[in-house]
Amino acid sequence: MTSAPLVPNLFAVCEVLVLAIVWVVDQILYALAGLIPPLTGLAQWFDPVARARLGMGPLGSELLIVVVTWLIAVTVIVIWATLVNLLTMMWVERKFYSRLQDRYGIMISIWSLPFWPFNRAHRPTHRGTGYLQNIADGVKLLQKENITPRNADSAMFHISPVLIASSTLMIFAALPWSSGFYVANLELGILFIFAAFSLAPLGILIAGWSANNKYTLVGGLRAAAMLMAYEIPMILSVIALVFFTGSLNPLTIVKQQERTLFSLGPLAIPAWYVFSPQILGFIVFSVSMMAEMERIPFDIPEAEAELVEGWTTEYSGMRFGLVFGFKWLRMIAGAALIAILYLGGWSGPVFVTLSVGGVPVPIVPEEAWFLLKIYLISIVFIWISWSVPRVRIDQILNIGWKKLIPYSLGAIIIAAAAIASGLWAVG
C-alpha cells in the first residue's frame, strides 16, 4: 500500500482559491453598488441567482476563471520549484561540500541579523545555518551591472540566458510532483521534458558564440559536443524503458512501480525499475544526466583553469546568476526524472493516515517521498562532483560515444528479451 498525495488535484485547489477571491470581490462590489451604480452590472456577474436568471452557467465554467486558475497553478509550480527547492538545493550543496572539505561553510542566517539581543554591537553571531546566504548572494548579483561586450552579438547574447531559463521552467510544466500535484498530465510527458532539456544546449552554444570571446567559444563548442554525445545514450536508455512501460506518461510509469516485487520476511522489495533488468539503463541514464547538467567530472565546458568560466565568462550581474542558478534547477529536474523512471517516483509506504474533517491526510504524503528521493539523488551527484577530478574533453567524448551508447543499446536488447521471454511483467 502506497502513500496518498497531500494535493489530490492542483487544478481543483487553485480553482477553489480563485472562487474564494471572486467571492471577496463580489462582496466588495455589492458594498460599492449603492454608491457607484455602474458597478451593479459587474456585481451581478458574480451572483449565482442573477446568473441563473440570465441563463448563464456556473461561475466555475467561465473561461476567465479557468484561465486564471491555470495561471495560478503554473505560478504555484514555478514558486515551488524555484523559490523553495532551488534555494534549498543550493544551500544543501554548499553545506554538504563544506563538510566533505572539513569546514563549516556558509553560516549567515536570520540569527546573524544584528537586532537580536544575544548579538553584540558590531559583531553579529554566526550561529545560523546559512540559508539566508543564498538570498544575500542573489541580492548582491541584482545590484551588479550587466555588462555587454563591445563586439558581442547583443541580441543573441541577451537571448541565451532567457532561452536557458525558459526551457528549464518548461520542464516543470510536465513534471509531476505527486499523483495530483502537477500542471499538465501529458501522454507524451517524458518526450516533452526531454524536448525542453534539449533546448538548453542550443542556448549554451549561442552564449559561447555571441560573446565574441575565444574562451566562451571553446566552452560553447565543448558543451555542444559533450551534450550531443550524452543525449543519444540517454534517449536510448529511455527507449529501453519504453519496452517495459509501453508509455511515456510519467504518472503511468510511476503507477506501474507501485507494487511489491517480492518479500523477504517483513521487508518488501518494490517493483522499481532499478531492480529490474533495466538496471543497466538506469546507470547509463544517470551518468548521461550528470553530463547533461555539466557537473564534475563533466564540467570541462566551464573549466576554471583552462577556460576561466567557459561559456559564462562574459556574463555579469544577475545574468550570470540566472544561468548559474538554473544549473541547480536542472539538477532537481534530472533527479526527479531518475526518481520517476527508475525509483518509483513518489510511491512510498503508508505509516499512518489521519482524518481531518473527513479528508484522509497521510503522515508522509507522496510529495514528501518524492522530495526525499530527489534530494538523496542530488546529494549523490554532489558527492561525486566534489570527490572525483574532471576529465579531459577527449575522455568525455570517448565515454559517451564508445561506452555509453553500446551499453544503452545493450539495455534495449535486454529489455526486449525480458519482455519476450515473460521474465518481467508490467504491473
Protein backbone atom coordinates (compact mmCIF):
# COMPACT_ATOMS: atom_id res chain seq x y z
CA MET A 1 0.00 0.00 0.00
CA THR A 2 1.41 3.35 -1.02
CA SER A 3 1.01 6.83 0.43
CA ALA A 4 -1.61 9.31 -0.75
CA PRO A 5 -0.95 12.81 -2.12
CA LEU A 6 -1.27 15.86 0.07
CA VAL A 7 -2.52 17.80 -3.00
CA PRO A 8 -5.03 15.44 -4.69
CA ASN A 9 -5.76 17.84 -7.57
CA LEU A 10 -3.73 21.02 -8.07
CA PHE A 11 -6.21 22.49 -10.56
CA ALA A 12 -9.16 21.94 -8.19
CA VAL A 13 -7.24 23.51 -5.29
CA CYS A 14 -6.35 26.56 -7.40
CA GLU A 15 -9.95 26.79 -8.66
CA VAL A 16 -11.21 26.94 -5.06
CA LEU A 17 -8.67 29.70 -4.41
CA VAL A 18 -9.86 31.66 -7.46
CA LEU A 19 -13.52 31.30 -6.48
CA ALA A 20 -12.65 32.47 -2.97
CA ILE A 21 -11.01 35.58 -4.44
CA VAL A 22 -14.10 36.06 -6.66
CA TRP A 23 -16.32 35.87 -3.56
CA VAL A 24 -14.26 38.61 -1.87
CA VAL A 25 -14.55 40.76 -5.00
CA ASP A 26 -18.27 40.02 -5.05
CA GLN A 27 -18.69 41.33 -1.50
CA ILE A 28 -16.71 44.48 -2.28
CA LEU A 29 -18.74 45.18 -5.43
CA TYR A 30 -22.04 44.70 -3.64
CA ALA A 31 -20.85 47.10 -0.95
CA LEU A 32 -19.96 49.68 -3.60
CA ALA A 33 -23.05 49.07 -5.76
CA GLY A 34 -25.18 51.53 -3.82
CA LEU A 35 -22.51 54.19 -4.03
CA ILE A 36 -21.37 53.60 -7.61
CA PRO A 37 -24.35 52.37 -9.71
CA PRO A 38 -22.31 51.29 -12.79
CA LEU A 39 -20.76 48.53 -10.68
CA THR A 40 -24.15 46.86 -10.18
CA GLY A 41 -23.99 45.00 -13.50
CA LEU A 42 -20.46 43.80 -12.81
CA ALA A 43 -21.51 42.57 -9.37
CA GLN A 44 -24.36 40.57 -10.89
CA TRP A 45 -21.85 38.60 -12.94
CA PHE A 46 -20.68 37.04 -9.65
CA ASP A 47 -24.21 36.45 -8.25
CA PRO A 48 -25.45 32.82 -8.77
CA VAL A 49 -29.13 33.92 -8.68
CA ALA A 50 -28.58 36.62 -11.27
CA ARG A 51 -26.59 34.21 -13.44
CA ALA A 52 -29.42 31.63 -13.32
CA ARG A 53 -31.97 34.31 -14.26
CA LEU A 54 -29.84 35.33 -17.26
CA GLY A 55 -29.35 31.71 -18.35
CA MET A 56 -25.63 31.65 -17.53
CA GLY A 57 -23.90 28.51 -16.28
CA PRO A 58 -21.90 28.01 -13.07
CA LEU A 59 -19.19 30.56 -12.47
CA GLY A 60 -16.54 27.82 -12.34
CA SER A 61 -17.10 27.11 -16.04
CA GLU A 62 -16.32 30.65 -17.13
CA LEU A 63 -13.30 30.93 -19.43
CA LEU A 64 -11.82 33.73 -17.34
CA ILE A 65 -11.99 31.60 -14.18
CA VAL A 66 -10.36 28.67 -15.97
CA VAL A 67 -7.56 30.84 -17.39
CA VAL A 68 -6.85 32.46 -14.02
CA THR A 69 -6.88 29.02 -12.38
CA TRP A 70 -4.26 27.72 -14.82
CA LEU A 71 -2.12 30.82 -14.29
CA ILE A 72 -2.22 30.32 -10.52
CA ALA A 73 -1.39 26.60 -10.92
CA VAL A 74 1.63 27.43 -13.08
CA THR A 75 2.72 30.10 -10.59
CA VAL A 76 2.46 27.61 -7.72
CA ILE A 77 4.65 25.10 -9.57
CA VAL A 78 7.22 27.76 -10.53
CA ILE A 79 7.42 29.14 -6.98
CA TRP A 80 7.58 25.63 -5.53
CA ALA A 81 10.37 24.58 -7.91
CA THR A 82 12.44 27.77 -7.99
CA LEU A 83 11.89 29.67 -4.77
CA VAL A 84 11.65 26.71 -2.39
CA ASN A 85 13.55 23.78 -3.86
CA LEU A 86 16.15 25.79 -5.79
CA LEU A 87 17.22 27.78 -2.73
CA THR A 88 17.14 24.64 -0.59
CA MET A 89 19.27 22.63 -3.01
CA MET A 90 21.80 25.45 -3.33
CA TRP A 91 22.05 25.51 0.47
CA VAL A 92 22.33 21.71 0.67
CA GLU A 93 25.21 21.64 -1.82
CA ARG A 94 27.15 24.47 -0.18
CA LYS A 95 26.82 22.89 3.27
CA PHE A 96 27.46 19.34 2.06
CA TYR A 97 30.66 20.01 0.14
CA SER A 98 31.89 22.14 3.02
CA ARG A 99 31.53 19.12 5.28
CA LEU A 100 33.34 17.00 2.70
CA GLN A 101 36.19 19.53 2.90
CA ASP A 102 36.11 19.52 6.72
CA ARG A 103 34.83 23.07 7.18
CA TYR A 104 31.60 24.69 8.29
CA GLY A 105 30.73 26.52 5.09
CA ILE A 106 28.14 29.30 4.94
CA MET A 107 26.77 30.32 8.35
CA ILE A 108 24.83 33.55 7.73
CA SER A 109 21.15 33.13 8.61
CA ILE A 110 18.33 35.02 10.25
CA TRP A 111 20.03 34.56 13.63
CA SER A 112 23.00 36.54 12.31
CA LEU A 113 20.97 39.73 11.94
CA PRO A 114 22.12 42.46 14.37
CA PHE A 115 18.78 43.19 16.09
CA TRP A 116 18.79 40.01 18.19
CA PRO A 117 19.59 40.63 21.90
CA PHE A 118 22.32 37.99 22.02
CA ASN A 119 24.29 39.71 19.22
CA ARG A 120 26.94 42.09 20.48
CA ALA A 121 27.29 45.52 18.87
CA HIS A 122 29.16 45.47 15.54
CA ARG A 123 29.74 41.73 15.91
CA PRO A 124 26.69 39.66 14.99
CA THR A 125 26.81 35.97 15.75
CA HIS A 126 27.28 33.35 13.04
CA ARG A 127 25.45 30.59 14.83
CA GLY A 128 22.98 30.24 11.95
CA THR A 129 22.69 27.53 9.33
CA GLY A 130 23.48 29.76 6.35
CA TYR A 131 20.18 29.54 4.47
CA LEU A 132 19.93 33.31 4.03
CA GLN A 133 23.34 33.41 2.33
CA ASN A 134 21.78 32.36 -1.00
CA ILE A 135 19.30 35.23 -0.77
CA ALA A 136 22.11 37.63 0.11
CA ASP A 137 24.11 36.45 -2.91
CA GLY A 138 21.07 36.94 -5.15
CA VAL A 139 20.56 40.50 -3.89
CA LYS A 140 24.27 41.18 -4.46
CA LEU A 141 24.05 39.96 -8.07
CA LEU A 142 20.95 42.09 -8.67
CA GLN A 143 22.94 45.18 -7.66
CA LYS A 144 25.81 44.48 -10.04
CA GLU A 145 25.97 45.96 -13.51
CA ASN A 146 25.07 43.83 -16.51
CA ILE A 147 27.92 44.38 -18.97
CA THR A 148 27.65 43.52 -22.66
CA PRO A 149 30.96 43.08 -24.54
CA ARG A 150 31.58 45.73 -27.16
CA ASN A 151 31.88 43.37 -30.14
CA ALA A 152 29.34 40.81 -28.98
CA ASP A 153 26.17 39.93 -30.87
CA SER A 154 23.94 41.82 -28.45
CA ALA A 155 20.63 40.17 -29.38
CA MET A 156 21.93 36.61 -29.13
CA PHE A 157 23.96 37.46 -26.03
CA HIS A 158 20.80 38.61 -24.24
CA ILE A 159 18.53 35.85 -25.60
CA SER A 160 20.72 32.99 -24.42
CA PRO A 161 20.06 33.28 -20.65
CA VAL A 162 16.34 33.66 -21.36
CA LEU A 163 16.37 30.52 -23.52
CA ILE A 164 18.19 28.53 -20.83
CA ALA A 165 15.86 29.75 -18.08
CA SER A 166 12.61 29.36 -20.03
CA SER A 167 13.48 25.88 -21.32
CA THR A 168 14.28 24.78 -17.76
CA LEU A 169 10.95 26.10 -16.48
CA MET A 170 9.17 24.28 -19.33
CA ILE A 171 10.39 21.01 -17.83
CA PHE A 172 8.29 21.59 -14.72
CA ALA A 173 5.13 22.09 -16.80
CA ALA A 174 5.05 18.33 -17.46
CA LEU A 175 6.95 17.15 -14.38
CA PRO A 176 4.56 15.86 -11.69
CA TRP A 177 5.47 16.06 -8.00
CA SER A 178 2.78 13.56 -6.96
CA SER A 179 -0.28 11.88 -8.40
CA GLY A 180 -2.18 15.17 -8.04
CA PHE A 181 0.45 17.91 -7.81
CA TYR A 182 1.18 18.77 -11.45
CA VAL A 183 0.23 21.33 -14.08
CA ALA A 184 -0.47 19.11 -17.10
CA ASN A 185 -0.93 15.35 -17.47
CA LEU A 186 0.58 14.69 -20.90
CA GLU A 187 0.55 11.28 -22.53
CA LEU A 188 3.94 12.14 -24.03
CA GLY A 189 5.15 13.95 -20.91
CA ILE A 190 8.60 12.32 -20.85
CA LEU A 191 9.10 13.26 -24.51
CA PHE A 192 8.09 16.85 -23.77
CA ILE A 193 10.53 17.00 -20.85
CA PHE A 194 13.41 15.76 -23.00
CA ALA A 195 12.48 18.25 -25.72
CA ALA A 196 12.73 21.04 -23.11
CA PHE A 197 16.05 19.63 -21.88
CA SER A 198 17.44 19.69 -25.43
CA LEU A 199 16.85 23.45 -25.82
CA ALA A 200 19.42 24.42 -23.18
CA PRO A 201 22.46 23.16 -25.18
CA LEU A 202 21.34 25.43 -28.01
CA GLY A 203 21.30 28.36 -25.59
CA ILE A 204 24.75 27.39 -24.31
CA LEU A 205 26.15 27.26 -27.85
CA ILE A 206 24.60 30.65 -28.66
CA ALA A 207 26.07 32.11 -25.45
CA GLY A 208 29.54 30.83 -26.31
CA TRP A 209 29.45 32.15 -29.86
CA SER A 210 27.71 35.50 -29.31
CA ALA A 211 30.15 36.83 -26.68
CA ASN A 212 32.96 37.13 -29.26
CA ASN A 213 35.46 35.63 -26.83
CA LYS A 214 37.75 32.68 -27.54
CA TYR A 215 37.25 31.19 -24.09
CA THR A 216 33.46 31.33 -24.36
CA LEU A 217 33.54 29.97 -27.93
CA VAL A 218 35.65 26.98 -26.90
CA GLY A 219 33.37 26.41 -23.92
CA GLY A 220 30.24 26.56 -26.09
CA LEU A 221 31.67 24.15 -28.67
CA ARG A 222 32.82 21.76 -25.94
CA ALA A 223 29.36 21.87 -24.39
CA ALA A 224 27.66 21.19 -27.73
CA ALA A 225 29.96 18.25 -28.49
CA MET A 226 29.62 16.79 -25.00
CA LEU A 227 25.86 17.16 -24.70
CA MET A 228 25.34 15.61 -28.13
CA ALA A 229 27.49 12.64 -27.11
CA TYR A 230 25.44 12.06 -23.95
CA GLU A 231 21.92 12.88 -25.09
CA ILE A 232 21.98 9.96 -27.55
CA PRO A 233 22.62 7.23 -24.92
CA MET A 234 20.20 8.96 -22.55
CA ILE A 235 17.40 8.75 -25.13
CA LEU A 236 18.33 5.16 -25.99
CA SER A 237 18.08 4.16 -22.33
CA VAL A 238 14.59 5.69 -22.20
CA ILE A 239 13.66 3.72 -25.33
CA ALA A 240 14.71 0.58 -23.46
CA LEU A 241 12.39 1.60 -20.62
CA VAL A 242 9.51 2.07 -23.05
CA PHE A 243 9.67 -1.69 -23.75
CA PHE A 244 8.78 -2.20 -20.09
CA THR A 245 6.22 0.54 -19.59
CA GLY A 246 4.62 0.95 -23.00
CA SER A 247 4.06 4.59 -22.05
CA LEU A 248 5.73 7.99 -21.96
CA ASN A 249 3.34 9.33 -19.34
CA PRO A 250 5.15 9.97 -16.01
CA LEU A 251 2.01 9.17 -13.99
CA THR A 252 1.60 5.82 -15.75
CA ILE A 253 5.26 4.88 -15.28
CA VAL A 254 5.11 5.60 -11.55
CA LYS A 255 1.81 3.75 -11.15
CA GLN A 256 3.34 0.63 -12.70
CA GLN A 257 6.01 0.64 -9.99
CA GLU A 258 3.52 0.90 -7.10
CA ARG A 259 3.53 -2.80 -6.29
CA THR A 260 5.67 -5.33 -4.46
CA LEU A 261 8.22 -7.28 -6.46
CA PHE A 262 8.84 -9.87 -3.75
CA SER A 263 9.07 -10.06 0.02
CA LEU A 264 11.95 -11.05 2.26
CA GLY A 265 10.13 -11.68 5.52
CA PRO A 266 8.91 -8.30 6.80
CA LEU A 267 10.94 -6.49 4.12
CA ALA A 268 9.09 -5.86 0.85
CA ILE A 269 11.13 -5.08 -2.27
CA PRO A 270 9.20 -2.63 -4.50
CA ALA A 271 8.87 -3.22 -8.23
CA TRP A 272 11.04 -0.25 -9.11
CA TYR A 273 12.70 -0.48 -12.48
CA VAL A 274 16.13 -0.13 -10.90
CA PHE A 275 15.53 -3.66 -9.53
CA SER A 276 14.53 -4.96 -12.97
CA PRO A 277 16.69 -5.90 -15.97
CA GLN A 278 16.72 -2.13 -16.62
CA ILE A 279 19.49 -1.55 -14.07
CA LEU A 280 21.93 -1.11 -16.97
CA GLY A 281 19.67 1.57 -18.46
CA PHE A 282 19.49 3.22 -15.03
CA ILE A 283 23.29 3.50 -14.87
CA VAL A 284 23.53 4.87 -18.41
CA PHE A 285 20.71 7.34 -17.82
CA SER A 286 22.19 8.59 -14.52
CA VAL A 287 25.67 9.14 -15.99
CA SER A 288 24.20 10.86 -19.06
CA MET A 289 22.03 13.09 -16.89
CA MET A 290 25.05 14.11 -14.83
CA ALA A 291 26.82 15.11 -18.05
CA GLU A 292 23.68 16.95 -19.18
CA MET A 293 23.91 19.05 -16.01
CA GLU A 294 27.63 19.78 -16.68
CA ARG A 295 28.72 18.73 -13.24
CA ILE A 296 32.20 17.49 -12.34
CA PRO A 297 33.70 15.34 -13.84
CA PHE A 298 31.75 16.54 -16.90
CA ASP A 299 32.18 20.30 -16.43
CA ILE A 300 35.02 20.74 -18.93
CA PRO A 301 32.99 23.39 -20.88
CA GLU A 302 33.36 25.62 -17.79
CA ALA A 303 36.82 24.52 -16.59
CA GLU A 304 38.26 27.33 -14.46
CA ALA A 305 41.93 26.51 -15.14
CA GLU A 306 41.58 26.21 -18.90
CA LEU A 307 38.61 28.43 -19.80
CA VAL A 308 38.19 30.75 -16.77
CA GLU A 309 34.41 30.07 -16.66
CA GLY A 310 33.82 28.74 -20.16
CA TRP A 311 30.69 29.92 -21.94
CA THR A 312 29.65 32.03 -18.90
CA THR A 313 32.87 34.10 -18.84
CA GLU A 314 31.37 37.31 -20.26
CA TYR A 315 28.15 37.25 -18.25
CA SER A 316 27.94 39.50 -15.21
CA GLY A 317 25.38 40.53 -12.65
CA MET A 318 22.08 38.71 -12.50
CA ARG A 319 22.52 37.26 -15.99
CA PHE A 320 25.38 35.21 -14.61
CA GLY A 321 23.25 34.38 -11.57
CA LEU A 322 20.45 33.25 -13.88
CA VAL A 323 22.49 30.79 -15.94
CA PHE A 324 24.42 29.65 -12.87
CA GLY A 325 21.39 29.22 -10.62
CA PHE A 326 19.37 27.34 -13.19
CA LYS A 327 22.04 24.63 -13.24
CA TRP A 328 20.76 23.62 -9.80
CA LEU A 329 17.21 23.70 -11.11
CA ARG A 330 18.19 21.37 -13.96
CA MET A 331 19.79 19.07 -11.37
CA ILE A 332 16.49 18.97 -9.49
CA ALA A 333 14.66 18.15 -12.74
CA GLY A 334 17.22 15.46 -13.63
CA ALA A 335 16.98 13.88 -10.18
CA ALA A 336 13.16 13.97 -10.45
CA LEU A 337 13.33 12.17 -13.80
CA ILE A 338 15.58 9.46 -12.38
CA ALA A 339 13.17 9.01 -9.47
CA ILE A 340 10.15 8.79 -11.79
CA LEU A 341 11.66 6.42 -14.33
CA TYR A 342 13.60 4.04 -12.09
CA LEU A 343 12.94 4.66 -8.37
CA GLY A 344 9.16 4.56 -8.10
CA GLY A 345 8.60 8.31 -8.26
CA TRP A 346 6.53 9.47 -5.30
CA SER A 347 5.49 5.99 -4.18
CA GLY A 348 6.33 5.17 -0.59
CA PRO A 349 4.96 3.18 2.33
CA VAL A 350 1.95 4.30 4.37
CA PHE A 351 2.60 4.61 8.09
CA VAL A 352 -0.44 6.43 9.50
CA THR A 353 -3.28 8.33 7.85
CA LEU A 354 -5.19 10.93 9.83
CA SER A 355 -8.71 12.13 9.13
CA VAL A 356 -9.14 15.90 9.15
CA GLY A 357 -12.74 16.90 8.55
CA GLY A 358 -13.38 13.58 6.83
CA VAL A 359 -10.43 14.09 4.48
CA PRO A 360 -7.63 11.50 4.81
CA VAL A 361 -4.27 13.18 5.40
CA PRO A 362 -1.19 10.91 5.19
CA ILE A 363 1.57 11.39 7.73
CA VAL A 364 4.17 11.04 4.95
CA PRO A 365 2.45 12.22 1.73
CA GLU A 366 3.60 11.44 -1.79
CA GLU A 367 5.15 14.89 -2.18
CA ALA A 368 7.41 14.22 0.82
CA TRP A 369 8.56 10.85 -0.55
CA PHE A 370 9.27 12.41 -3.94
CA LEU A 371 11.26 15.29 -2.42
CA LEU A 372 13.23 12.84 -0.27
CA LYS A 373 14.24 10.84 -3.34
CA ILE A 374 15.12 13.99 -5.30
CA TYR A 375 17.33 15.32 -2.51
CA LEU A 376 19.08 11.97 -1.98
CA ILE A 377 19.82 11.62 -5.71
CA SER A 378 21.06 15.22 -5.84
CA ILE A 379 23.31 14.61 -2.82
CA VAL A 380 24.84 11.63 -4.65
CA PHE A 381 25.51 13.91 -7.64
CA ILE A 382 27.11 16.50 -5.34
CA TRP A 383 29.16 13.81 -3.58
CA ILE A 384 30.55 12.57 -6.89
CA SER A 385 31.20 16.11 -8.14
CA TRP A 386 33.32 17.04 -5.13
CA SER A 387 35.13 13.70 -4.89
CA VAL A 388 36.47 12.98 -8.38
CA PRO A 389 38.63 15.10 -10.73
CA ARG A 390 37.38 16.42 -14.05
CA VAL A 391 38.41 14.53 -17.16
CA ARG A 392 39.67 15.80 -20.50
CA ILE A 393 37.31 16.58 -23.34
CA ASP A 394 38.55 13.64 -25.43
CA GLN A 395 37.98 11.28 -22.50
CA ILE A 396 34.47 12.69 -22.02
CA LEU A 397 33.61 12.07 -25.66
CA ASN A 398 35.10 8.58 -25.58
CA ILE A 399 32.95 7.69 -22.58
CA GLY A 400 29.82 8.97 -24.34
CA TRP A 401 30.36 7.55 -27.82
CA LYS A 402 32.34 4.38 -27.13
CA LYS A 403 30.97 3.26 -23.76
CA LEU A 404 27.51 4.56 -23.02
CA ILE A 405 25.98 4.15 -26.49
CA PRO A 406 26.87 0.41 -26.67
CA TYR A 407 25.62 -0.03 -23.08
CA SER A 408 22.33 1.71 -23.91
CA LEU A 409 21.87 -0.50 -26.98
CA GLY A 410 22.54 -3.47 -24.70
CA ALA A 411 19.82 -2.20 -22.35
CA ILE A 412 17.37 -2.19 -25.26
CA ILE A 413 18.26 -5.78 -26.17
CA ILE A 414 17.95 -6.92 -22.54
CA ALA A 415 14.59 -5.17 -22.18
CA ALA A 416 13.23 -6.76 -25.36
CA ALA A 417 14.50 -10.20 -24.32
CA ALA A 418 12.99 -9.90 -20.82
CA ILE A 419 9.58 -8.92 -22.14
CA ALA A 420 9.60 -11.52 -24.95
CA SER A 421 10.56 -14.33 -22.55
CA GLY A 422 7.98 -13.30 -19.96
CA LEU A 423 10.58 -12.83 -17.20
CA TRP A 424 9.15 -9.42 -16.35
CA ALA A 425 5.52 -8.37 -16.35
CA VAL A 426 4.41 -4.76 -16.17
CA GLY A 427 2.17 -4.06 -13.17
